[in-house]
Amino acid sequence: MHKLKKIAKWFVMILLTLLIILTTTIGMRQNLKFDAPYPDVHASSDSNIINRGKHIVFSQAHCASCHSPQNVDSLLESGIEPNLNGGRLLDIDIAKIYTPNITSDKIYGIGKRSDAEIARAIRYGVHANGNAMLNFMGFQDMSDDDLAAVISYLRTSKPVATPNTPHEFSLVGKAIKAFMVKPVGPRFPIKKSVIPDSSAVYGEYLVSSTTNCMGCHTQRNLAGDLSGPLMAGGNDIEGFITPNLTPHPDGRIYGWTEEQFVDRFRQKKRIKESPMPWNSFKLMTDLELKAIYRYLQTVPAAQMPKAE
């Protein structure tokens, strides 16, 4: 009996030691620094480029859906630009994430950042301080010209002095941040420019590089990396399971014509729980929506996996 007590005591001591080491290590790895290239991308004062950036920001990239605390759908429906001063809570399993201020404010927004720092954050997921960003924005493969257009518009946005709220990670979240969260860079060689047309090739660019369709409609793991069949859905976003958009018979748009697909984007949200930014995507052109439809018809048919 005495021997068993001694073994149990040593077991508890070893366990506590390992727990202390693990906890200390996790704490030390909360603010890891990463290196990444600074893209050679520069803001422009050309009104055509600024307007192109505005179109991407408020339609394709639907930035206001995350970076505005306002009623974005109502404002966009009224033709009013929402403020991009952040503060929206994204309550996920591992953390409470508060979106940052991306207005031109020089204290709390991006006004204090260089073009290269902003471009690196979007393309490589690395903050100006070197910390890795959580992989929410799927814009790493955006062309240089489109990225420059986005930065050009943000430079002209109305400055709003809203302080940023720090994220709140759970214990599991801190462990994931310590060991799994890392910068996510481009998957393909970056193009200088992409010419808009109605082809499936341009549709693939939109889906994978500027609209983040792939990020919502392809299942992710806890670290935010894509892990499921391409465009087969299965992500749990605020209690809503994203649908399958592949040509599989179980797919949401299976059997739809191109005209039906485009027309659906001109309508309002039908499913109350859906996080889909319909009023942002309504601002996309017919050409862009046709390109997306044509690309989706080329995606391998797959069944929607179960949500993790």
C-alpha atoms as a PDB file:
ATOM      1  CA  MET A   1       0.000   0.000   0.000  1.00  0.00           C
ATOM      2  CA  HIS A   2       2.840   2.369   0.935  1.00  0.00           C
ATOM      3  CA  LYS A   3       4.525   1.605  -2.383  1.00  0.00           C
ATOM      4  CA  LEU A   4       1.307   2.370  -4.298  1.00  0.00           C
ATOM      5  CA  LYS A   5       0.937   5.697  -2.487  1.00  0.00           C
ATOM      6  CA  LYS A   6       4.519   6.570  -3.363  1.00  0.00           C
ATOM      7  CA  ILE A   7       3.952   5.727  -7.041  1.00  0.00           C
ATOM      8  CA  ALA A   8       0.742   7.764  -7.047  1.00  0.00           C
ATOM      9  CA  LYS A   9       2.557  10.708  -5.482  1.00  0.00           C
ATOM     10  CA  TRP A  10       5.301  10.591  -8.108  1.00  0.00           C
ATOM     11  CA  PHE A  11       2.703  10.254 -10.857  1.00  0.00           C
ATOM     12  CA  VAL A  12       0.877  13.375  -9.627  1.00  0.00           C
ATOM     13  CA  MET A  13       4.148  15.313  -9.344  1.00  0.00           C
ATOM     14  CA  ILE A  14       5.181  14.347 -12.864  1.00  0.00           C
ATOM     15  CA  LEU A  15       1.750  15.244 -14.181  1.00  0.00           C
ATOM     16  CA  LEU A  16       1.830  18.636 -12.463  1.00  0.00           C
ATOM     17  CA  THR A  17       5.337  19.285 -13.760  1.00  0.00           C
ATOM     18  CA  LEU A  18       4.290  18.485 -17.314  1.00  0.00           C
ATOM     19  CA  LEU A  19       1.207  20.680 -16.918  1.00  0.00           C
ATOM     20  CA  ILE A  20       3.328  23.590 -15.662  1.00  0.00           C
ATOM     21  CA  ILE A  21       5.763  23.142 -18.566  1.00  0.00           C
ATOM     22  CA  LEU A  22       2.927  22.991 -21.082  1.00  0.00           C
ATOM     23  CA  THR A  23       1.164  26.023 -19.609  1.00  0.00           C
ATOM     24  CA  THR A  24       4.416  28.011 -19.537  1.00  0.00           C
ATOM     25  CA  THR A  25       5.228  27.032 -23.122  1.00  0.00           C
ATOM     26  CA  ILE A  26       1.771  28.009 -24.333  1.00  0.00           C
ATOM     27  CA  GLY A  27       2.098  31.358 -22.597  1.00  0.00           C
ATOM     28  CA  MET A  28       5.512  31.994 -24.120  1.00  0.00           C
ATOM     29  CA  ARG A  29       4.220  31.204 -27.617  1.00  0.00           C
ATOM     30  CA  GLN A  30       1.225  33.575 -27.596  1.00  0.00           C
ATOM     31  CA  ASN A  31       3.029  36.339 -29.469  1.00  0.00           C
ATOM     32  CA  LEU A  32       5.359  34.524 -31.825  1.00  0.00           C
ATOM     33  CA  LYS A  33       6.988  36.661 -34.498  1.00  0.00           C
ATOM     34  CA  PHE A  34       6.952  35.590 -38.135  1.00  0.00           C
ATOM     35  CA  ASP A  35       8.706  36.926 -41.174  1.00  0.00           C
ATOM     36  CA  ALA A  36       7.082  37.405 -44.571  1.00  0.00           C
ATOM     37  CA  PRO A  37       7.840  39.427 -47.702  1.00  0.00           C
ATOM     38  CA  TYR A  38       6.509  42.920 -48.142  1.00  0.00           C
ATOM     39  CA  PRO A  39       4.626  42.979 -51.471  1.00  0.00           C
ATOM     40  CA  ASP A  40       5.692  45.695 -53.908  1.00  0.00           C
ATOM     41  CA  VAL A  41       2.191  47.162 -53.960  1.00  0.00           C
ATOM     42  CA  HIS A  42       1.391  50.860 -53.681  1.00  0.00           C
ATOM     43  CA  ALA A  43      -1.771  52.901 -53.219  1.00  0.00           C
ATOM     44  CA  SER A  44      -2.833  55.161 -56.052  1.00  0.00           C
ATOM     45  CA  SER A  45      -4.722  58.447 -56.224  1.00  0.00           C
ATOM     46  CA  ASP A  46      -6.208  57.486 -59.612  1.00  0.00           C
ATOM     47  CA  SER A  47     -10.004  57.652 -59.274  1.00  0.00           C
ATOM     48  CA  ASN A  48     -10.511  54.605 -61.520  1.00  0.00           C
ATOM     49  CA  ILE A  49      -8.256  52.498 -59.305  1.00  0.00           C
ATOM     50  CA  ILE A  50      -9.926  53.813 -56.134  1.00  0.00           C
ATOM     51  CA  ASN A  51     -13.369  53.000 -57.560  1.00  0.00           C
ATOM     52  CA  ARG A  52     -12.167  49.511 -58.481  1.00  0.00           C
ATOM     53  CA  GLY A  53     -11.008  49.058 -54.895  1.00  0.00           C
ATOM     54  CA  LYS A  54     -14.326  50.326 -53.552  1.00  0.00           C
ATOM     55  CA  HIS A  55     -16.165  47.792 -55.712  1.00  0.00           C
ATOM     56  CA  ILE A  56     -14.016  44.937 -54.400  1.00  0.00           C
ATOM     57  CA  VAL A  57     -14.323  46.095 -50.774  1.00  0.00           C
ATOM     58  CA  PHE A  58     -18.108  46.432 -50.742  1.00  0.00           C
ATOM     59  CA  SER A  59     -19.116  43.656 -53.154  1.00  0.00           C
ATOM     60  CA  GLN A  60     -16.685  40.807 -53.858  1.00  0.00           C
ATOM     61  CA  ALA A  61     -14.680  40.916 -50.624  1.00  0.00           C
ATOM     62  CA  HIS A  62     -17.699  42.021 -48.513  1.00  0.00           C
ATOM     63  CA  CYS A  63     -15.284  43.606 -46.014  1.00  0.00           C
ATOM     64  CA  ALA A  64     -18.124  45.454 -44.284  1.00  0.00           C
ATOM     65  CA  SER A  65     -19.725  42.151 -43.244  1.00  0.00           C
ATOM     66  CA  CYS A  66     -16.939  41.657 -40.705  1.00  0.00           C
ATOM     67  CA  HIS A  67     -15.343  45.070 -40.301  1.00  0.00           C
ATOM     68  CA  SER A  68     -18.459  47.155 -39.671  1.00  0.00           C
ATOM     69  CA  PRO A  69     -20.486  47.214 -36.438  1.00  0.00           C
ATOM     70  CA  GLN A  70     -23.423  48.792 -38.280  1.00  0.00           C
ATOM     71  CA  ASN A  71     -26.459  47.200 -39.931  1.00  0.00           C
ATOM     72  CA  VAL A  72     -24.588  46.560 -43.150  1.00  0.00           C
ATOM     73  CA  ASP A  73     -27.473  45.042 -45.101  1.00  0.00           C
ATOM     74  CA  SER A  74     -29.755  48.020 -44.450  1.00  0.00           C
ATOM     75  CA  LEU A  75     -27.045  50.552 -45.297  1.00  0.00           C
ATOM     76  CA  LEU A  76     -26.014  48.846 -48.523  1.00  0.00           C
ATOM     77  CA  GLU A  77     -29.642  48.486 -49.554  1.00  0.00           C
ATOM     78  CA  SER A  78     -29.981  52.250 -49.083  1.00  0.00           C
ATOM     79  CA  GLY A  79     -26.818  52.964 -51.056  1.00  0.00           C
ATOM     80  CA  ILE A  80     -24.861  54.113 -47.978  1.00  0.00           C
ATOM     81  CA  GLU A  81     -21.258  53.044 -47.352  1.00  0.00           C
ATOM     82  CA  PRO A  82     -20.897  51.358 -43.943  1.00  0.00           C
ATOM     83  CA  ASN A  83     -18.028  52.431 -41.706  1.00  0.00           C
ATOM     84  CA  LEU A  84     -15.182  49.927 -41.560  1.00  0.00           C
ATOM     85  CA  ASN A  85     -14.204  50.683 -37.973  1.00  0.00           C
ATOM     86  CA  GLY A  86     -14.377  47.079 -36.750  1.00  0.00           C
ATOM     87  CA  GLY A  87     -15.524  45.887 -33.360  1.00  0.00           C
ATOM     88  CA  ARG A  88     -17.807  43.127 -34.575  1.00  0.00           C
ATOM     89  CA  LEU A  89     -17.672  40.030 -32.366  1.00  0.00           C
ATOM     90  CA  LEU A  90     -17.009  36.700 -34.058  1.00  0.00           C
ATOM     91  CA  ASP A  91     -17.754  34.181 -31.309  1.00  0.00           C
ATOM     92  CA  ILE A  92     -16.088  30.938 -32.388  1.00  0.00           C
ATOM     93  CA  ASP A  93     -15.280  27.742 -30.484  1.00  0.00           C
ATOM     94  CA  ILE A  94     -11.769  28.754 -29.499  1.00  0.00           C
ATOM     95  CA  ALA A  95     -12.075  32.490 -28.970  1.00  0.00           C
ATOM     96  CA  LYS A  96     -14.037  35.694 -29.047  1.00  0.00           C
ATOM     97  CA  ILE A  97     -12.607  37.522 -32.051  1.00  0.00           C
ATOM     98  CA  TYR A  98     -13.147  41.262 -32.465  1.00  0.00           C
ATOM     99  CA  THR A  99     -12.594  42.593 -35.968  1.00  0.00           C
ATOM    100  CA  PRO A 100     -10.097  45.458 -36.302  1.00  0.00           C
ATOM    101  CA  ASN A 101     -10.597  49.024 -37.437  1.00  0.00           C
ATOM    102  CA  ILE A 102      -9.513  49.287 -41.094  1.00  0.00           C
ATOM    103  CA  THR A 103     -10.537  52.896 -41.715  1.00  0.00           C
ATOM    104  CA  SER A 104      -7.906  55.511 -42.574  1.00  0.00           C
ATOM    105  CA  ASP A 105      -7.740  56.675 -38.946  1.00  0.00           C
ATOM    106  CA  LYS A 106      -4.092  57.281 -38.020  1.00  0.00           C
ATOM    107  CA  ILE A 107      -4.387  56.133 -34.398  1.00  0.00           C
ATOM    108  CA  TYR A 108      -6.642  53.083 -34.391  1.00  0.00           C
ATOM    109  CA  GLY A 109      -7.008  52.314 -38.093  1.00  0.00           C
ATOM    110  CA  ILE A 110      -4.651  51.548 -40.966  1.00  0.00           C
ATOM    111  CA  GLY A 111      -3.700  55.189 -41.464  1.00  0.00           C
ATOM    112  CA  LYS A 112      -0.569  54.565 -39.417  1.00  0.00           C
ATOM    113  CA  ARG A 113       0.493  51.608 -41.589  1.00  0.00           C
ATOM    114  CA  SER A 114       2.520  51.651 -44.793  1.00  0.00           C
ATOM    115  CA  ASP A 115       1.147  50.234 -48.027  1.00  0.00           C
ATOM    116  CA  ALA A 116       3.614  47.350 -47.720  1.00  0.00           C
ATOM    117  CA  GLU A 117       2.473  46.508 -44.163  1.00  0.00           C
ATOM    118  CA  ILE A 118      -1.186  46.429 -45.222  1.00  0.00           C
ATOM    119  CA  ALA A 119      -0.385  44.373 -48.304  1.00  0.00           C
ATOM    120  CA  ARG A 120       1.633  41.868 -46.228  1.00  0.00           C
ATOM    121  CA  ALA A 121      -1.208  41.490 -43.732  1.00  0.00           C
ATOM    122  CA  ILE A 122      -3.699  40.684 -46.517  1.00  0.00           C
ATOM    123  CA  ARG A 123      -1.418  38.452 -48.582  1.00  0.00           C
ATOM    124  CA  TYR A 124       0.605  36.681 -45.885  1.00  0.00           C
ATOM    125  CA  GLY A 125      -1.453  37.044 -42.712  1.00  0.00           C
ATOM    126  CA  VAL A 126       1.306  38.783 -40.754  1.00  0.00           C
ATOM    127  CA  HIS A 127       0.588  41.844 -38.614  1.00  0.00           C
ATOM    128  CA  ALA A 128       2.875  44.850 -38.687  1.00  0.00           C
ATOM    129  CA  ASN A 129       4.256  43.623 -35.326  1.00  0.00           C
ATOM    130  CA  GLY A 130       5.102  40.215 -36.795  1.00  0.00           C
ATOM    131  CA  ASN A 131       2.291  38.230 -35.140  1.00  0.00           C
ATOM    132  CA  ALA A 132       0.316  35.766 -37.258  1.00  0.00           C
ATOM    133  CA  MET A 133      -3.278  36.651 -38.072  1.00  0.00           C
ATOM    134  CA  LEU A 134      -6.073  34.109 -37.752  1.00  0.00           C
ATOM    135  CA  ASN A 135      -6.882  32.724 -41.187  1.00  0.00           C
ATOM    136  CA  PHE A 136     -10.284  34.359 -41.791  1.00  0.00           C
ATOM    137  CA  MET A 137      -9.549  36.355 -44.945  1.00  0.00           C
ATOM    138  CA  GLY A 138      -9.020  34.259 -48.071  1.00  0.00           C
ATOM    139  CA  PHE A 139      -7.449  36.997 -50.148  1.00  0.00           C
ATOM    140  CA  GLN A 140      -3.854  35.743 -50.276  1.00  0.00           C
ATOM    141  CA  ASP A 141      -3.928  35.152 -54.038  1.00  0.00           C
ATOM    142  CA  MET A 142      -5.419  38.521 -54.982  1.00  0.00           C
ATOM    143  CA  SER A 143      -3.577  40.056 -57.935  1.00  0.00           C
ATOM    144  CA  ASP A 144      -1.181  42.936 -57.326  1.00  0.00           C
ATOM    145  CA  ASP A 145      -3.459  45.371 -59.148  1.00  0.00           C
ATOM    146  CA  ASP A 146      -6.577  44.344 -57.191  1.00  0.00           C
ATOM    147  CA  LEU A 147      -4.660  44.467 -53.914  1.00  0.00           C
ATOM    148  CA  ALA A 148      -3.367  47.945 -54.787  1.00  0.00           C
ATOM    149  CA  ALA A 149      -6.921  49.015 -55.635  1.00  0.00           C
ATOM    150  CA  VAL A 150      -8.222  47.811 -52.254  1.00  0.00           C
ATOM    151  CA  ILE A 151      -5.481  49.670 -50.372  1.00  0.00           C
ATOM    152  CA  SER A 152      -6.100  52.769 -52.522  1.00  0.00           C
ATOM    153  CA  TYR A 153      -9.764  52.813 -51.542  1.00  0.00           C
ATOM    154  CA  LEU A 154      -9.084  52.151 -47.846  1.00  0.00           C
ATOM    155  CA  ARG A 155      -6.691  55.106 -47.843  1.00  0.00           C
ATOM    156  CA  THR A 156      -9.610  57.326 -48.884  1.00  0.00           C
ATOM    157  CA  SER A 157     -12.150  55.857 -46.449  1.00  0.00           C
ATOM    158  CA  LYS A 158     -13.636  58.005 -43.721  1.00  0.00           C
ATOM    159  CA  PRO A 159     -11.405  57.857 -40.604  1.00  0.00           C
ATOM    160  CA  VAL A 160     -13.266  56.602 -37.538  1.00  0.00           C
ATOM    161  CA  ALA A 161     -11.433  56.725 -34.178  1.00  0.00           C
ATOM    162  CA  THR A 162     -12.698  53.446 -32.734  1.00  0.00           C
ATOM    163  CA  PRO A 163     -10.210  51.617 -30.466  1.00  0.00           C
ATOM    164  CA  ASN A 164      -9.559  47.973 -31.274  1.00  0.00           C
ATOM    165  CA  THR A 165     -10.722  45.334 -28.779  1.00  0.00           C
ATOM    166  CA  PRO A 166      -8.236  42.516 -27.988  1.00  0.00           C
ATOM    167  CA  HIS A 167      -9.257  38.966 -28.820  1.00  0.00           C
ATOM    168  CA  GLU A 168     -10.203  36.653 -25.937  1.00  0.00           C
ATOM    169  CA  PHE A 169      -8.894  33.101 -26.340  1.00  0.00           C
ATOM    170  CA  SER A 170     -10.097  30.100 -24.360  1.00  0.00           C
ATOM    171  CA  LEU A 171      -7.511  27.695 -22.911  1.00  0.00           C
ATOM    172  CA  VAL A 172      -7.893  25.474 -25.965  1.00  0.00           C
ATOM    173  CA  GLY A 173      -7.734  28.557 -28.155  1.00  0.00           C
ATOM    174  CA  LYS A 174      -4.453  29.632 -26.581  1.00  0.00           C
ATOM    175  CA  ALA A 175      -3.000  26.171 -27.210  1.00  0.00           C
ATOM    176  CA  ILE A 176      -4.118  26.281 -30.854  1.00  0.00           C
ATOM    177  CA  LYS A 177      -2.706  29.784 -31.210  1.00  0.00           C
ATOM    178  CA  ALA A 178       0.585  28.638 -29.693  1.00  0.00           C
ATOM    179  CA  PHE A 179       1.129  25.580 -31.882  1.00  0.00           C
ATOM    180  CA  MET A 180      -1.152  25.719 -34.926  1.00  0.00           C
ATOM    181  CA  VAL A 181      -1.777  29.318 -35.975  1.00  0.00           C
ATOM    182  CA  LYS A 182       0.766  30.444 -38.524  1.00  0.00           C
ATOM    183  CA  PRO A 183       0.853  32.783 -41.517  1.00  0.00           C
ATOM    184  CA  VAL A 184      -0.939  31.530 -44.622  1.00  0.00           C
ATOM    185  CA  GLY A 185       0.523  32.831 -47.846  1.00  0.00           C
ATOM    186  CA  PRO A 186      -0.397  32.532 -51.528  1.00  0.00           C
ATOM    187  CA  ARG A 187      -1.056  29.085 -52.972  1.00  0.00           C
ATOM    188  CA  PHE A 188      -0.282  30.124 -56.548  1.00  0.00           C
ATOM    189  CA  PRO A 189       2.141  32.502 -58.256  1.00  0.00           C
ATOM    190  CA  ILE A 190       0.724  36.003 -57.855  1.00  0.00           C
ATOM    191  CA  LYS A 191      -0.470  37.661 -61.050  1.00  0.00           C
ATOM    192  CA  LYS A 192       0.174  41.310 -61.751  1.00  0.00           C
ATOM    193  CA  SER A 193      -3.381  41.751 -62.997  1.00  0.00           C
ATOM    194  CA  VAL A 194      -6.442  39.678 -63.853  1.00  0.00           C
ATOM    195  CA  ILE A 195      -8.742  40.780 -66.655  1.00  0.00           C
ATOM    196  CA  PRO A 196     -12.439  40.428 -65.699  1.00  0.00           C
ATOM    197  CA  ASP A 197     -14.545  38.291 -68.029  1.00  0.00           C
ATOM    198  CA  SER A 198     -17.282  35.679 -67.737  1.00  0.00           C
ATOM    199  CA  SER A 199     -14.996  32.636 -67.993  1.00  0.00           C
ATOM    200  CA  ALA A 200     -14.663  29.818 -65.476  1.00  0.00           C
ATOM    201  CA  VAL A 201     -10.993  30.802 -65.130  1.00  0.00           C
ATOM    202  CA  TYR A 202     -11.957  34.247 -63.860  1.00  0.00           C
ATOM    203  CA  GLY A 203     -14.648  32.625 -61.719  1.00  0.00           C
ATOM    204  CA  GLU A 204     -11.992  30.496 -60.031  1.00  0.00           C
ATOM    205  CA  TYR A 205      -9.997  33.639 -59.310  1.00  0.00           C
ATOM    206  CA  LEU A 206     -13.040  35.307 -57.728  1.00  0.00           C
ATOM    207  CA  VAL A 207     -13.979  32.248 -55.644  1.00  0.00           C
ATOM    208  CA  SER A 208     -10.459  31.596 -54.382  1.00  0.00           C
ATOM    209  CA  SER A 209      -8.949  35.092 -54.226  1.00  0.00           C
ATOM    210  CA  THR A 210     -11.445  37.923 -53.707  1.00  0.00           C
ATOM    211  CA  THR A 211     -14.850  36.663 -52.520  1.00  0.00           C
ATOM    212  CA  ASN A 212     -13.743  34.070 -49.936  1.00  0.00           C
ATOM    213  CA  CYS A 213     -16.466  31.689 -51.196  1.00  0.00           C
ATOM    214  CA  MET A 214     -13.915  28.922 -50.800  1.00  0.00           C
ATOM    215  CA  GLY A 215     -13.230  29.907 -47.197  1.00  0.00           C
ATOM    216  CA  CYS A 216     -16.862  29.546 -46.145  1.00  0.00           C
ATOM    217  CA  HIS A 217     -17.996  26.731 -48.429  1.00  0.00           C
ATOM    218  CA  THR A 218     -15.001  24.447 -47.828  1.00  0.00           C
ATOM    219  CA  GLN A 219     -14.726  22.855 -44.412  1.00  0.00           C
ATOM    220  CA  ARG A 220     -11.954  24.151 -42.138  1.00  0.00           C
ATOM    221  CA  ASN A 221     -10.127  22.709 -39.149  1.00  0.00           C
ATOM    222  CA  LEU A 222      -9.741  24.472 -35.790  1.00  0.00           C
ATOM    223  CA  ALA A 223      -6.702  26.386 -37.023  1.00  0.00           C
ATOM    224  CA  GLY A 224      -8.737  27.785 -39.901  1.00  0.00           C
ATOM    225  CA  ASP A 225      -7.012  25.784 -42.649  1.00  0.00           C
ATOM    226  CA  LEU A 226      -9.101  24.288 -45.465  1.00  0.00           C
ATOM    227  CA  SER A 227      -9.564  20.585 -44.742  1.00  0.00           C
ATOM    228  CA  GLY A 228     -12.666  19.316 -46.566  1.00  0.00           C
ATOM    229  CA  PRO A 229     -13.653  18.701 -50.198  1.00  0.00           C
ATOM    230  CA  LEU A 230     -13.516  21.879 -52.269  1.00  0.00           C
ATOM    231  CA  MET A 231     -16.795  23.875 -52.099  1.00  0.00           C
ATOM    232  CA  ALA A 232     -18.660  20.966 -50.485  1.00  0.00           C
ATOM    233  CA  GLY A 233     -19.757  23.037 -47.494  1.00  0.00           C
ATOM    234  CA  GLY A 234     -19.910  21.784 -43.934  1.00  0.00           C
ATOM    235  CA  ASN A 235     -18.609  24.773 -41.969  1.00  0.00           C
ATOM    236  CA  ASP A 236     -20.546  25.797 -38.872  1.00  0.00           C
ATOM    237  CA  ILE A 237     -20.760  29.596 -38.994  1.00  0.00           C
ATOM    238  CA  GLU A 238     -22.725  31.025 -36.088  1.00  0.00           C
ATOM    239  CA  GLY A 239     -24.872  27.888 -35.993  1.00  0.00           C
ATOM    240  CA  PHE A 240     -25.455  27.793 -39.748  1.00  0.00           C
ATOM    241  CA  ILE A 241     -23.956  24.937 -41.789  1.00  0.00           C
ATOM    242  CA  THR A 242     -22.681  26.217 -45.109  1.00  0.00           C
ATOM    243  CA  PRO A 243     -24.206  24.382 -48.079  1.00  0.00           C
ATOM    244  CA  ASN A 244     -22.591  22.263 -50.741  1.00  0.00           C
ATOM    245  CA  LEU A 245     -22.021  24.221 -53.979  1.00  0.00           C
ATOM    246  CA  THR A 246     -20.470  21.409 -56.020  1.00  0.00           C
ATOM    247  CA  PRO A 247     -22.326  19.772 -58.948  1.00  0.00           C
ATOM    248  CA  HIS A 248     -23.235  16.817 -56.711  1.00  0.00           C
ATOM    249  CA  PRO A 249     -26.995  16.009 -56.608  1.00  0.00           C
ATOM    250  CA  ASP A 250     -26.920  16.980 -52.918  1.00  0.00           C
ATOM    251  CA  GLY A 251     -25.550  20.401 -53.849  1.00  0.00           C
ATOM    252  CA  ARG A 252     -27.600  23.523 -53.166  1.00  0.00           C
ATOM    253  CA  ILE A 253     -27.409  24.783 -56.761  1.00  0.00           C
ATOM    254  CA  TYR A 254     -27.608  21.388 -58.492  1.00  0.00           C
ATOM    255  CA  GLY A 255     -29.740  21.772 -61.606  1.00  0.00           C
ATOM    256  CA  TRP A 256     -29.763  25.583 -61.493  1.00  0.00           C
ATOM    257  CA  THR A 257     -29.330  27.485 -64.716  1.00  0.00           C
ATOM    258  CA  GLU A 258     -26.922  30.375 -65.024  1.00  0.00           C
ATOM    259  CA  GLU A 259     -29.861  32.779 -65.100  1.00  0.00           C
ATOM    260  CA  GLN A 260     -31.296  31.315 -61.881  1.00  0.00           C
ATOM    261  CA  PHE A 261     -27.923  31.638 -60.177  1.00  0.00           C
ATOM    262  CA  VAL A 262     -27.483  35.293 -61.136  1.00  0.00           C
ATOM    263  CA  ASP A 263     -31.102  36.098 -60.268  1.00  0.00           C
ATOM    264  CA  ARG A 264     -30.698  34.579 -56.783  1.00  0.00           C
ATOM    265  CA  PHE A 265     -27.930  37.083 -56.038  1.00  0.00           C
ATOM    266  CA  ARG A 266     -30.198  39.963 -56.956  1.00  0.00           C
ATOM    267  CA  GLN A 267     -32.646  38.944 -54.222  1.00  0.00           C
ATOM    268  CA  LYS A 268     -32.529  39.474 -50.477  1.00  0.00           C
ATOM    269  CA  LYS A 269     -31.590  36.982 -47.793  1.00  0.00           C
ATOM    270  CA  ARG A 270     -34.214  34.208 -47.682  1.00  0.00           C
ATOM    271  CA  ILE A 271     -32.903  32.127 -44.791  1.00  0.00           C
ATOM    272  CA  LYS A 272     -32.838  34.273 -41.663  1.00  0.00           C
ATOM    273  CA  GLU A 273     -29.952  32.382 -40.036  1.00  0.00           C
ATOM    274  CA  SER A 274     -27.733  32.556 -43.110  1.00  0.00           C
ATOM    275  CA  PRO A 275     -24.519  34.559 -42.600  1.00  0.00           C
ATOM    276  CA  MET A 276     -24.194  34.991 -46.379  1.00  0.00           C
ATOM    277  CA  PRO A 277     -23.651  38.714 -47.146  1.00  0.00           C
ATOM    278  CA  TRP A 278     -26.332  38.851 -49.827  1.00  0.00           C
ATOM    279  CA  ASN A 279     -26.556  42.639 -50.027  1.00  0.00           C
ATOM    280  CA  SER A 280     -22.816  42.838 -50.609  1.00  0.00           C
ATOM    281  CA  PHE A 281     -22.851  40.176 -53.296  1.00  0.00           C
ATOM    282  CA  LYS A 282     -25.844  41.862 -54.936  1.00  0.00           C
ATOM    283  CA  LEU A 283     -23.393  44.607 -55.926  1.00  0.00           C
ATOM    284  CA  MET A 284     -21.351  42.218 -58.048  1.00  0.00           C
ATOM    285  CA  THR A 285     -21.751  42.504 -61.808  1.00  0.00           C
ATOM    286  CA  ASP A 286     -23.556  39.962 -63.997  1.00  0.00           C
ATOM    287  CA  LEU A 287     -20.196  39.168 -65.578  1.00  0.00           C
ATOM    288  CA  GLU A 288     -18.663  38.314 -62.191  1.00  0.00           C
ATOM    289  CA  LEU A 289     -21.604  36.154 -61.118  1.00  0.00           C
ATOM    290  CA  LYS A 290     -21.672  34.288 -64.429  1.00  0.00           C
ATOM    291  CA  ALA A 291     -17.957  33.583 -64.084  1.00  0.00           C
ATOM    292  CA  ILE A 292     -18.504  32.167 -60.587  1.00  0.00           C
ATOM    293  CA  TYR A 293     -21.384  29.977 -61.789  1.00  0.00           C
ATOM    294  CA  ARG A 294     -19.301  28.631 -64.675  1.00  0.00           C
ATOM    295  CA  TYR A 295     -16.420  27.843 -62.356  1.00  0.00           C
ATOM    296  CA  LEU A 296     -18.646  26.033 -59.856  1.00  0.00           C
ATOM    297  CA  GLN A 297     -19.784  23.719 -62.651  1.00  0.00           C
ATOM    298  CA  THR A 298     -16.162  22.581 -63.051  1.00  0.00           C
ATOM    299  CA  VAL A 299     -15.566  21.765 -59.365  1.00  0.00           C
ATOM    300  CA  PRO A 300     -15.428  18.009 -58.616  1.00  0.00           C
ATOM    301  CA  ALA A 301     -18.785  16.787 -57.319  1.00  0.00           C
ATOM    302  CA  ALA A 302     -18.567  15.912 -53.625  1.00  0.00           C
ATOM    303  CA  GLN A 303     -20.901  15.210 -50.751  1.00  0.00           C
ATOM    304  CA  MET A 304     -20.977  17.640 -47.849  1.00  0.00           C
ATOM    305  CA  PRO A 305     -18.949  16.278 -44.927  1.00  0.00           C
ATOM    306  CA  LYS A 306     -20.218  16.371 -41.373  1.00  0.00           C
ATOM    307  CA  ALA A 307     -19.345  19.555 -39.467  1.00  0.00           C
ATOM    308  CA  GLU A 308     -16.392  19.243 -37.116  1.00  0.00           C
END
